[in-house]
Amino acid sequence: MSDQEIPLSELLSLRREKLNQLQELGVNPFAYEFDVSTNSAAIKNNPELIQENIETAPRLSVAGRMMTRRVMGKAAFFNIQDEKDTIQVYIRRDDVGEENYNVVFKKLTDLGDIIGIKGYVFTTQTGEITIHAEHFELLTKAIRPIPIAKEVEVDGKKVVYDAFADKEMRYRQRYVDLIVNPEIRDVFAKRSLMVQTMRLFMMKEGYLEVETPILQPMYGGASAKPFVTHHNALDMTLYLRVANELYLKRLIVGGYHGVFEFSKDFRNEGMSRFHNPEFTQVELYVAYKDYNWMMKFVEAMLEHVAISLHGSTKVKVGEHEIDFKSPWPRIPMLEAIKNETGVDLNGLTLEQMQEAARGIGVHVDKTMGKGKIIDEIFGEHVEHKLIQPTFITDYPIEMSPLAKKHRSKEGLVERFEAICNGKEIANAFSELNDPIDQRERFLEQVQLRDAGDDEAMGLDEDFLRALEYGMPPTAGLGIGIDRLSMIMTNQESIRDVLFFPHMRPE
């Protein structure tokens, strides 16, 4: 009877019993260490390890999880999986000792156990690179069986049973997902490479990586509902940051030319394919620059990222091929809305804008100001149609309380969002550095919040005081790392690029 046919409770009991037997034999089923000299991929990529003279062949040691096993009396073949790959191992009783082979290996180990091997490399008659084990050591006994997929042939077709494929289970038990679906490790390796590429790109420009508070007495920097907590010793309410913008700008006031931070931010909002309440973004602020300069910077950095990850500016995402080669199109926001809906929102009163939104099927309510209505119209009628990287520019002032007024267009601000594959991946401003104007914008946000908009910002007096000391002209940028990772790794859900996404309780 295979493991797949035995009830889980019985399998757990059997493995516990094997654990007890190992301890009675004096075998530590949870070793302290093992000297690993290489890994499976390095072995496969180094043909010089394979030598005809066994006596002089290099000896090496590897460790990993046993994923398959085929016992043939006094010898066996099995595969171990480490971080890089899997490799076949050949083990004989005469090499590792009768008790170690017959009792420990054959009777008391199971698939999923972590083992250490020392030996030399050879090639089997079928051409498979294999380690001939001269030493076998149990390093960790797995007392819970891993779900091993079973492949059988039905009517001439291969059918896989018991694969760990359920999305929810994979998200909840990512540790199992990484074991049995090791190809997903490449997604997270690319995410890591993407972040490192961006970090080095900004560092080479001379910008300083910094850290700012996560627990904040006043949340701000984005329109979002915060998580609220309480500090007992100070007896005060604190908020998990929704953005790190206002602290980074304080550093520009303090004299830094350029600062950036990869930050965990938190927004108390719903979850979807594109939203997780805890997310990662990078924010960058550079003195004496504006949003026009920042558009060119974003183009250059993300083009560089695409080439670093894929060797090309072109990235396959679902059914689309997205090209990050610069320059990208630049379209003013109200023009983009007019192009898609035929509705011109320029100069409309709040009542007229509400009527226009209802006329094109967009829900509005009394808590929504002009900015919120425009954002809803754009989200429902425009954003999802922008597949290739595109800059949407020149937002209405009501949508952007931290952006500088447009130097030539009344009622607008100098802001852009980079949209790609139908979603925003970056947001940037010519930063507002007029403390009097900033106070008025904050007060408008307070009015919106009092009217029921729980995503509106508050009045941050310390930030206003910082601006009063003088902040130079500054360009600011925020890029969503999770959404950009989805694009760069061709994943359909934000949960596929997070090791441990938030889930409803089981």
Protein backbone atom coordinates (compact mmCIF):
# COMPACT_ATOMS: atom_id res chain seq x y z
CA MET A 1 0.00 0.00 0.00
CA SER A 2 1.40 3.41 -1.00
CA ASP A 3 1.46 6.47 1.26
CA GLN A 4 -1.33 7.99 -0.85
CA GLU A 5 -3.63 5.11 0.17
CA ILE A 6 -2.97 5.31 3.94
CA PRO A 7 -5.02 7.75 6.07
CA LEU A 8 -3.04 10.78 7.22
CA SER A 9 -3.55 9.99 10.91
CA GLU A 10 -2.03 6.53 10.40
CA LEU A 11 0.91 7.96 8.42
CA LEU A 12 1.64 10.40 11.24
CA SER A 13 1.57 7.56 13.76
CA LEU A 14 3.88 5.41 11.62
CA ARG A 15 6.40 8.23 11.29
CA ARG A 16 6.30 8.95 15.02
CA GLU A 17 7.02 5.28 15.66
CA LYS A 18 10.01 5.41 13.30
CA LEU A 19 11.20 8.50 15.15
CA ASN A 20 11.09 6.57 18.43
CA GLN A 21 12.95 3.61 16.90
CA LEU A 22 15.71 5.90 15.61
CA GLN A 23 16.16 7.40 19.07
CA GLU A 24 16.29 3.90 20.63
CA LEU A 25 19.08 3.01 18.19
CA GLY A 26 21.03 6.06 19.28
CA VAL A 27 20.46 7.89 15.97
CA ASN A 28 19.71 11.59 16.44
CA PRO A 29 16.79 12.28 14.06
CA PHE A 30 17.40 16.03 14.30
CA ALA A 31 21.12 16.57 13.65
CA TYR A 32 23.03 19.67 14.69
CA GLU A 33 25.02 20.24 11.49
CA PHE A 34 26.40 18.73 8.31
CA ASP A 35 29.36 19.94 6.28
CA VAL A 36 27.89 20.72 2.81
CA SER A 37 30.53 21.39 0.16
CA THR A 38 28.40 21.92 -2.96
CA ASN A 39 24.90 21.66 -4.42
CA SER A 40 23.09 19.63 -7.06
CA ALA A 41 23.22 22.27 -9.80
CA ALA A 42 26.94 22.86 -9.34
CA ILE A 43 27.57 19.13 -9.64
CA LYS A 44 25.54 18.81 -12.83
CA ASN A 45 27.31 21.81 -14.37
CA ASN A 46 30.82 20.56 -13.59
CA PRO A 47 31.78 17.58 -15.83
CA GLU A 48 35.32 17.59 -14.40
CA LEU A 49 33.94 15.94 -11.26
CA ILE A 50 33.34 12.73 -13.22
CA GLN A 51 36.58 10.72 -13.41
CA GLU A 52 37.31 7.13 -14.38
CA ASN A 53 39.72 6.57 -11.50
CA ILE A 54 37.48 6.24 -8.44
CA GLU A 55 40.41 6.48 -6.05
CA THR A 56 41.37 9.97 -7.23
CA ALA A 57 37.86 11.22 -7.98
CA PRO A 58 36.94 14.34 -5.97
CA ARG A 59 34.89 13.68 -2.84
CA LEU A 60 32.02 16.00 -2.09
CA SER A 61 29.11 16.34 0.30
CA VAL A 62 25.54 17.42 -0.37
CA ALA A 63 22.37 17.59 1.68
CA GLY A 64 18.72 17.78 0.74
CA ARG A 65 15.25 16.34 0.99
CA MET A 66 14.61 12.80 -0.28
CA MET A 67 11.93 13.08 -2.97
CA THR A 68 11.98 9.61 -4.62
CA ARG A 69 13.37 6.20 -3.69
CA ARG A 70 13.81 2.91 -5.56
CA VAL A 71 15.19 0.05 -3.43
CA MET A 72 16.68 -3.04 -5.11
CA GLY A 73 17.77 -5.35 -2.30
CA LYS A 74 21.30 -4.41 -1.28
CA ALA A 75 21.33 -1.16 -3.27
CA ALA A 76 19.00 1.72 -4.03
CA PHE A 77 18.62 4.86 -6.11
CA PHE A 78 17.00 7.97 -4.71
CA ASN A 79 16.74 11.65 -5.54
CA ILE A 80 17.51 14.48 -3.16
CA GLN A 81 16.35 18.04 -3.67
CA ASP A 82 18.28 21.05 -2.44
CA GLU A 83 17.79 24.76 -3.05
CA LYS A 84 19.18 24.62 -6.60
CA ASP A 85 17.94 21.37 -8.16
CA THR A 86 17.55 17.62 -7.63
CA ILE A 87 20.20 14.97 -8.14
CA GLN A 88 20.21 11.17 -8.13
CA VAL A 89 22.10 9.23 -5.45
CA TYR A 90 23.22 5.60 -5.59
CA ILE A 91 23.66 3.85 -2.23
CA ARG A 92 24.90 0.31 -1.44
CA ARG A 93 24.82 -1.64 1.78
CA ASP A 94 28.50 -2.59 1.44
CA ASP A 95 29.54 1.08 1.26
CA VAL A 96 27.53 2.55 4.13
CA GLY A 97 27.29 -0.42 6.47
CA GLU A 98 24.65 -3.08 6.97
CA GLU A 99 22.86 -1.47 9.92
CA ASN A 100 22.92 2.02 8.42
CA TYR A 101 21.52 0.69 5.14
CA ASN A 102 19.06 -2.01 6.23
CA VAL A 103 17.75 -0.40 9.40
CA VAL A 104 18.11 3.33 9.02
CA PHE A 105 17.86 3.84 5.25
CA LYS A 106 15.45 1.07 4.21
CA LYS A 107 13.20 0.84 7.26
CA LEU A 108 13.28 4.12 9.14
CA THR A 109 13.58 6.84 6.49
CA ASP A 110 10.74 8.20 4.40
CA LEU A 111 10.20 10.53 1.48
CA GLY A 112 10.57 14.07 2.76
CA ASP A 113 13.37 13.28 5.21
CA ILE A 114 16.43 15.53 4.98
CA ILE A 115 19.65 13.60 4.54
CA GLY A 116 23.35 14.20 4.02
CA ILE A 117 25.49 12.35 1.50
CA LYS A 118 29.25 12.13 1.01
CA GLY A 119 30.74 10.45 -2.02
CA TYR A 120 31.90 10.85 -5.61
CA VAL A 121 30.16 11.55 -8.92
CA PHE A 122 29.66 9.12 -11.80
CA THR A 123 27.36 8.71 -14.78
CA THR A 124 24.89 5.81 -15.00
CA GLN A 125 24.43 3.66 -18.09
CA THR A 126 21.44 5.83 -18.98
CA GLY A 127 23.63 8.95 -18.84
CA GLU A 128 22.31 10.40 -15.58
CA ILE A 129 24.76 12.23 -13.35
CA THR A 130 24.65 10.48 -9.97
CA ILE A 131 26.41 10.60 -6.61
CA HIS A 132 27.81 7.30 -5.36
CA ALA A 133 27.23 7.52 -1.62
CA GLU A 134 30.09 6.44 0.63
CA HIS A 135 28.46 7.98 3.69
CA PHE A 136 24.77 8.39 4.52
CA GLU A 137 23.42 10.47 7.40
CA LEU A 138 19.86 11.26 8.49
CA LEU A 139 19.74 14.97 9.31
CA THR A 140 16.03 15.63 9.93
CA LYS A 141 13.17 13.18 10.24
CA ALA A 142 9.98 14.53 8.61
CA ILE A 143 7.10 13.37 10.78
CA ARG A 144 4.50 14.72 8.39
CA PRO A 145 4.42 13.29 4.84
CA ILE A 146 4.85 15.71 1.97
CA PRO A 147 2.27 15.52 -0.86
CA ILE A 148 4.08 13.66 -3.65
CA ALA A 149 2.44 13.83 -7.06
CA LYS A 150 1.88 10.47 -8.71
CA GLU A 151 2.02 10.26 -12.50
CA VAL A 152 0.19 7.42 -14.25
CA GLU A 153 -0.75 6.71 -17.83
CA VAL A 154 -4.47 6.53 -18.63
CA ASP A 155 -5.54 5.78 -22.20
CA GLY A 156 -2.12 6.77 -23.46
CA LYS A 157 -2.10 10.10 -21.61
CA LYS A 158 -0.15 11.10 -18.52
CA VAL A 159 -2.39 11.94 -15.56
CA VAL A 160 -1.03 13.50 -12.34
CA TYR A 161 -2.69 12.65 -9.01
CA ASP A 162 -2.21 14.27 -5.59
CA ALA A 163 -0.32 17.28 -6.92
CA PHE A 164 -0.15 20.17 -4.45
CA ALA A 165 -1.95 22.47 -6.88
CA ASP A 166 -4.79 24.06 -4.92
CA LYS A 167 -4.03 27.79 -4.91
CA GLU A 168 -5.36 28.49 -1.43
CA MET A 169 -3.43 25.59 0.07
CA ARG A 170 -0.26 26.73 -1.69
CA TYR A 171 -0.62 30.25 -0.26
CA ARG A 172 -1.40 29.01 3.25
CA GLN A 173 1.39 26.42 3.29
CA ARG A 174 4.05 28.12 1.19
CA TYR A 175 6.70 25.94 2.85
CA VAL A 176 5.09 22.86 1.29
CA ASP A 177 4.58 24.68 -2.01
CA LEU A 178 8.31 25.43 -2.20
CA ILE A 179 9.13 21.76 -1.60
CA VAL A 180 6.80 20.13 -4.10
CA ASN A 181 6.62 22.94 -6.70
CA PRO A 182 10.27 24.08 -6.68
CA GLU A 183 9.85 25.97 -9.96
CA ILE A 184 8.11 28.79 -8.06
CA ARG A 185 11.42 29.56 -6.36
CA ASP A 186 12.43 31.16 -9.63
CA VAL A 187 9.60 33.70 -9.21
CA PHE A 188 10.98 34.83 -5.88
CA ALA A 189 14.56 34.75 -7.13
CA LYS A 190 13.55 37.12 -9.94
CA ARG A 191 11.73 39.35 -7.48
CA SER A 192 14.88 39.55 -5.37
CA LEU A 193 17.01 40.29 -8.43
CA MET A 194 14.55 43.00 -9.48
CA VAL A 195 14.82 44.75 -6.11
CA GLN A 196 18.61 44.49 -6.08
CA THR A 197 18.80 45.86 -9.63
CA MET A 198 16.67 48.86 -8.68
CA ARG A 199 18.67 49.43 -5.50
CA LEU A 200 21.99 49.43 -7.36
CA PHE A 201 20.56 51.66 -10.11
CA MET A 202 19.65 54.33 -7.54
CA MET A 203 22.84 53.93 -5.53
CA LYS A 204 24.95 54.44 -8.66
CA GLU A 205 23.16 57.77 -9.12
CA GLY A 206 24.42 58.74 -5.66
CA TYR A 207 21.12 58.46 -3.79
CA LEU A 208 21.15 57.33 -0.16
CA GLU A 209 19.10 54.36 1.06
CA VAL A 210 17.43 55.22 4.39
CA GLU A 211 14.92 53.88 6.90
CA THR A 212 11.92 55.76 8.28
CA PRO A 213 9.34 54.91 10.99
CA ILE A 214 6.65 52.29 10.47
CA LEU A 215 4.75 53.34 13.60
CA GLN A 216 3.69 56.94 13.05
CA PRO A 217 1.74 59.41 15.22
CA MET A 218 0.13 60.87 12.08
CA TYR A 219 -0.39 58.85 8.91
CA GLY A 220 -0.03 60.53 5.53
CA GLY A 221 1.54 60.46 2.12
CA ALA A 222 -1.31 58.62 0.43
CA SER A 223 -5.10 58.45 0.34
CA ALA A 224 -5.69 55.28 2.32
CA LYS A 225 -7.36 53.95 5.45
CA PRO A 226 -4.71 53.14 8.09
CA PHE A 227 -4.27 50.35 10.61
CA VAL A 228 -4.55 51.78 14.12
CA THR A 229 -2.64 50.60 17.17
CA HIS A 230 -1.85 51.87 20.68
CA HIS A 231 1.44 52.48 22.48
CA ASN A 232 0.93 51.57 26.12
CA ALA A 233 3.93 53.32 27.68
CA LEU A 234 3.16 56.65 25.97
CA ASP A 235 -0.60 56.07 26.11
CA MET A 236 -1.01 57.30 22.54
CA THR A 237 -2.57 56.17 19.29
CA LEU A 238 -0.16 55.21 16.52
CA TYR A 239 -0.73 54.23 12.90
CA LEU A 240 1.06 51.76 10.65
CA ARG A 241 2.42 53.85 7.81
CA VAL A 242 0.42 54.03 4.60
CA ALA A 243 3.42 55.63 2.85
CA ASN A 244 6.85 56.95 3.80
CA GLU A 245 6.64 60.11 1.69
CA LEU A 246 6.41 62.75 4.42
CA TYR A 247 9.43 61.42 6.33
CA LEU A 248 11.57 61.19 3.21
CA LYS A 249 10.70 64.78 2.33
CA ARG A 250 11.84 65.82 5.81
CA LEU A 251 15.24 64.38 4.88
CA ILE A 252 15.32 66.49 1.70
CA VAL A 253 14.59 69.52 3.90
CA GLY A 254 17.52 68.39 6.05
CA GLY A 255 19.92 68.66 3.14
CA TYR A 256 20.11 65.28 1.41
CA HIS A 257 20.16 65.48 -2.39
CA GLY A 258 18.45 62.14 -3.02
CA VAL A 259 17.01 59.51 -0.67
CA PHE A 260 15.12 56.26 -1.25
CA GLU A 261 13.59 53.51 0.86
CA PHE A 262 12.23 50.04 0.14
CA SER A 263 9.44 49.94 2.68
CA LYS A 264 6.68 47.75 4.01
CA ASP A 265 3.50 49.83 4.00
CA PHE A 266 0.04 48.97 5.31
CA ARG A 267 -3.41 49.97 4.12
CA ASN A 268 -6.58 48.78 5.79
CA GLU A 269 -8.42 47.96 2.60
CA GLY A 270 -9.93 44.97 0.85
CA MET A 271 -7.93 42.17 -0.73
CA SER A 272 -7.90 41.29 -4.41
CA ARG A 273 -5.64 40.02 -7.18
CA PHE A 274 -3.84 43.38 -7.00
CA HIS A 275 -4.19 44.32 -3.31
CA ASN A 276 -2.68 42.98 -0.11
CA PRO A 277 -3.06 44.97 3.11
CA GLU A 278 0.71 44.69 3.66
CA PHE A 279 2.75 45.56 0.59
CA THR A 280 6.20 46.70 -0.50
CA GLN A 281 7.07 49.84 -2.37
CA VAL A 282 10.15 51.93 -3.04
CA GLU A 283 9.96 55.70 -2.74
CA LEU A 284 12.61 58.06 -4.13
CA TYR A 285 12.99 61.83 -3.67
CA VAL A 286 15.54 63.89 -5.60
CA ALA A 287 16.15 67.60 -5.01
CA TYR A 288 16.10 70.17 -7.82
CA LYS A 289 14.20 67.83 -10.20
CA ASP A 290 10.60 67.76 -11.44
CA TYR A 291 8.12 65.20 -12.73
CA ASN A 292 9.37 65.50 -16.31
CA TRP A 293 12.84 64.43 -15.19
CA MET A 294 11.32 61.64 -13.08
CA MET A 295 9.47 60.18 -16.09
CA LYS A 296 12.80 59.73 -17.87
CA PHE A 297 14.33 58.21 -14.74
CA VAL A 298 11.50 55.67 -14.39
CA GLU A 299 11.76 54.71 -18.07
CA ALA A 300 15.51 54.17 -17.78
CA MET A 301 15.33 52.19 -14.52
CA LEU A 302 12.52 49.83 -15.54
CA GLU A 303 14.02 49.28 -18.99
CA HIS A 304 17.23 48.31 -17.16
CA VAL A 305 15.28 45.99 -14.84
CA ALA A 306 13.61 44.19 -17.77
CA ILE A 307 16.96 43.63 -19.47
CA SER A 308 18.56 42.40 -16.23
CA LEU A 309 15.79 39.84 -15.65
CA HIS A 310 14.98 38.80 -19.21
CA GLY A 311 17.86 39.90 -21.43
CA SER A 312 15.42 42.07 -23.36
CA THR A 313 13.13 45.06 -22.89
CA LYS A 314 10.23 42.76 -23.84
CA VAL A 315 8.45 40.79 -21.13
CA LYS A 316 5.77 38.13 -21.64
CA VAL A 317 2.76 38.78 -19.39
CA GLY A 318 -0.22 36.50 -19.95
CA GLU A 319 -1.33 36.91 -23.54
CA HIS A 320 0.58 40.17 -23.96
CA GLU A 321 4.18 41.05 -24.76
CA ILE A 322 5.02 44.21 -22.86
CA ASP A 323 7.91 46.34 -24.09
CA PHE A 324 9.65 48.57 -21.54
CA LYS A 325 11.84 50.26 -24.11
CA SER A 326 11.76 54.03 -23.70
CA PRO A 327 10.24 56.45 -24.43
CA TRP A 328 6.73 55.61 -23.21
CA PRO A 329 3.55 57.45 -24.27
CA ARG A 330 2.49 60.44 -22.15
CA ILE A 331 -1.26 61.21 -21.95
CA PRO A 332 -2.92 63.83 -19.69
CA MET A 333 -5.49 62.19 -17.41
CA LEU A 334 -8.60 64.12 -18.44
CA GLU A 335 -7.66 63.65 -22.09
CA ALA A 336 -7.38 59.89 -21.55
CA ILE A 337 -10.85 59.86 -19.95
CA LYS A 338 -12.32 61.91 -22.78
CA ASN A 339 -10.73 59.63 -25.39
CA GLU A 340 -12.35 56.54 -23.84
CA THR A 341 -15.73 57.89 -22.67
CA GLY A 342 -16.37 61.00 -24.75
CA VAL A 343 -16.93 62.93 -21.50
CA ASP A 344 -15.00 66.16 -20.94
CA LEU A 345 -14.58 66.71 -17.19
CA ASN A 346 -12.66 69.98 -17.51
CA GLY A 347 -14.25 72.82 -15.52
CA LEU A 348 -17.25 70.85 -14.21
CA THR A 349 -18.75 71.60 -10.82
CA LEU A 350 -19.09 68.77 -8.30
CA GLU A 351 -22.78 68.34 -9.17
CA GLN A 352 -22.05 68.27 -12.91
CA MET A 353 -19.28 65.73 -12.37
CA GLN A 354 -21.58 63.49 -10.34
CA GLU A 355 -24.16 63.60 -13.14
CA ALA A 356 -21.51 62.87 -15.79
CA ALA A 357 -20.22 59.89 -13.80
CA ARG A 358 -23.70 58.42 -13.41
CA GLY A 359 -24.25 58.91 -17.12
CA ILE A 360 -21.41 56.50 -17.92
CA GLY A 361 -22.33 53.95 -15.25
CA VAL A 362 -19.98 55.00 -12.45
CA HIS A 363 -21.40 54.87 -8.92
CA VAL A 364 -20.97 58.02 -6.82
CA ASP A 365 -22.10 58.98 -3.34
CA LYS A 366 -22.17 62.11 -1.20
CA THR A 367 -18.81 61.37 0.48
CA MET A 368 -16.95 61.57 -2.83
CA GLY A 369 -15.23 64.79 -3.86
CA LYS A 370 -14.15 65.63 -7.40
CA GLY A 371 -10.87 63.76 -7.06
CA LYS A 372 -12.54 60.57 -5.92
CA ILE A 373 -15.07 60.70 -8.76
CA ILE A 374 -12.39 61.26 -11.40
CA ASP A 375 -10.37 58.39 -9.93
CA GLU A 376 -13.42 56.08 -10.13
CA ILE A 377 -14.12 57.04 -13.76
CA PHE A 378 -10.49 56.48 -14.72
CA GLY A 379 -10.40 53.12 -12.94
CA GLU A 380 -13.57 51.82 -14.56
CA HIS A 381 -13.15 53.12 -18.10
CA VAL A 382 -9.45 53.72 -18.83
CA GLU A 383 -6.88 52.05 -16.61
CA HIS A 384 -7.51 48.41 -17.56
CA LYS A 385 -7.08 49.25 -21.26
CA LEU A 386 -3.50 50.50 -20.83
CA ILE A 387 -1.35 47.43 -21.43
CA GLN A 388 1.94 48.87 -22.66
CA PRO A 389 3.83 51.14 -20.20
CA THR A 390 2.15 54.54 -20.34
CA PHE A 391 2.47 57.75 -18.33
CA ILE A 392 -0.86 59.30 -17.35
CA THR A 393 -0.03 62.92 -16.51
CA ASP A 394 -1.44 66.19 -15.18
CA TYR A 395 -3.98 65.15 -12.56
CA PRO A 396 -6.73 67.39 -11.15
CA ILE A 397 -5.61 69.19 -8.01
CA GLU A 398 -8.36 67.53 -5.93
CA MET A 399 -6.69 64.12 -6.46
CA SER A 400 -3.20 65.15 -5.40
CA PRO A 401 -2.86 67.03 -2.08
CA LEU A 402 0.94 66.62 -2.05
CA ALA A 403 1.73 67.61 -5.65
CA LYS A 404 2.80 70.99 -6.98
CA LYS A 405 0.29 73.03 -9.01
CA HIS A 406 0.85 72.74 -12.73
CA ARG A 407 3.01 75.58 -13.95
CA SER A 408 0.75 76.29 -16.97
CA LYS A 409 -2.56 74.40 -16.62
CA GLU A 410 -5.10 75.80 -14.18
CA GLY A 411 -6.68 73.32 -11.77
CA LEU A 412 -4.11 70.58 -12.42
CA VAL A 413 -0.96 69.37 -10.71
CA GLU A 414 2.34 68.06 -11.99
CA ARG A 415 1.82 64.38 -11.34
CA PHE A 416 2.07 61.17 -13.32
CA GLU A 417 1.20 57.55 -12.81
CA ALA A 418 2.90 54.80 -14.80
CA ILE A 419 0.27 52.31 -15.91
CA CYS A 420 1.25 48.87 -17.22
CA ASN A 421 -0.79 45.73 -17.90
CA GLY A 422 -3.90 47.62 -16.80
CA LYS A 423 -2.67 48.67 -13.35
CA GLU A 424 -0.71 51.50 -11.75
CA ILE A 425 2.89 50.53 -11.00
CA ALA A 426 4.33 53.99 -10.18
CA ASN A 427 3.16 57.36 -8.92
CA ALA A 428 5.22 60.57 -8.97
CA PHE A 429 4.96 64.34 -8.44
CA SER A 430 6.72 67.57 -8.74
CA GLU A 431 6.52 67.79 -4.97
CA LEU A 432 4.59 70.60 -3.31
CA ASN A 433 7.07 72.68 -1.29
CA ASP A 434 4.90 75.73 -0.53
CA PRO A 435 3.93 75.32 3.16
CA ILE A 436 0.98 77.75 2.88
CA ASP A 437 -0.50 75.92 -0.11
CA GLN A 438 0.21 72.57 1.60
CA ARG A 439 -1.70 73.63 4.72
CA GLU A 440 -4.72 74.59 2.61
CA ARG A 441 -4.61 71.21 0.84
CA PHE A 442 -4.40 69.37 4.16
CA LEU A 443 -7.40 71.33 5.47
CA GLU A 444 -9.39 70.30 2.38
CA GLN A 445 -8.46 66.69 3.17
CA VAL A 446 -9.69 67.15 6.74
CA GLN A 447 -13.02 68.42 5.39
CA LEU A 448 -13.31 65.35 3.16
CA ARG A 449 -12.55 63.09 6.11
CA ASP A 450 -15.16 64.86 8.24
CA ALA A 451 -17.64 64.28 5.41
CA GLY A 452 -17.05 60.53 5.59
CA ASP A 453 -14.01 59.86 3.36
CA ASP A 454 -11.97 57.54 5.61
CA GLU A 455 -9.08 57.52 3.11
CA ALA A 456 -8.46 61.28 3.29
CA MET A 457 -5.29 62.56 4.95
CA GLY A 458 -5.00 64.43 8.22
CA LEU A 459 -3.22 67.64 9.16
CA ASP A 460 0.46 66.95 9.86
CA GLU A 461 1.76 70.01 11.73
CA ASP A 462 5.32 68.74 12.05
CA PHE A 463 5.58 68.16 8.30
CA LEU A 464 4.27 71.68 7.67
CA ARG A 465 6.87 73.02 10.10
CA ALA A 466 9.57 71.18 8.13
CA LEU A 467 8.36 72.78 4.88
CA GLU A 468 8.48 76.20 6.54
CA TYR A 469 12.25 75.75 6.91
CA GLY A 470 12.36 75.40 3.13
CA MET A 471 12.37 72.32 0.88
CA PRO A 472 14.10 72.71 -2.50
CA PRO A 473 12.23 71.87 -5.71
CA THR A 474 11.92 68.09 -5.55
CA ALA A 475 10.72 65.18 -7.66
CA GLY A 476 9.19 62.25 -5.77
CA LEU A 477 8.38 58.71 -6.88
CA GLY A 478 6.69 55.59 -5.51
CA ILE A 479 6.84 52.20 -7.27
CA GLY A 480 4.78 49.21 -6.13
CA ILE A 481 7.24 46.33 -5.87
CA ASP A 482 4.55 43.64 -5.64
CA ARG A 483 2.70 44.73 -8.79
CA LEU A 484 5.92 45.23 -10.71
CA SER A 485 7.00 41.74 -9.61
CA MET A 486 3.75 40.32 -11.03
CA ILE A 487 4.61 41.80 -14.41
CA MET A 488 8.29 40.90 -14.40
CA THR A 489 7.56 37.27 -13.40
CA ASN A 490 4.33 36.78 -15.40
CA GLN A 491 2.09 36.06 -12.39
CA GLU A 492 -1.65 36.69 -12.36
CA SER A 493 -2.14 37.42 -8.66
CA ILE A 494 -0.28 39.48 -6.08
CA ARG A 495 -0.37 36.41 -3.85
CA ASP A 496 1.89 34.61 -6.32
CA VAL A 497 4.72 37.07 -5.64
CA LEU A 498 4.34 37.16 -1.84
CA PHE A 499 5.81 34.32 0.19
CA PHE A 500 3.11 34.65 2.84
CA PRO A 501 0.06 36.61 1.62
CA HIS A 502 -2.71 37.51 4.03
CA MET A 503 -5.56 34.98 4.05
CA ARG A 504 -8.90 34.60 5.75
CA PRO A 505 -8.71 32.32 8.81
CA GLU A 506 -8.92 28.61 7.98
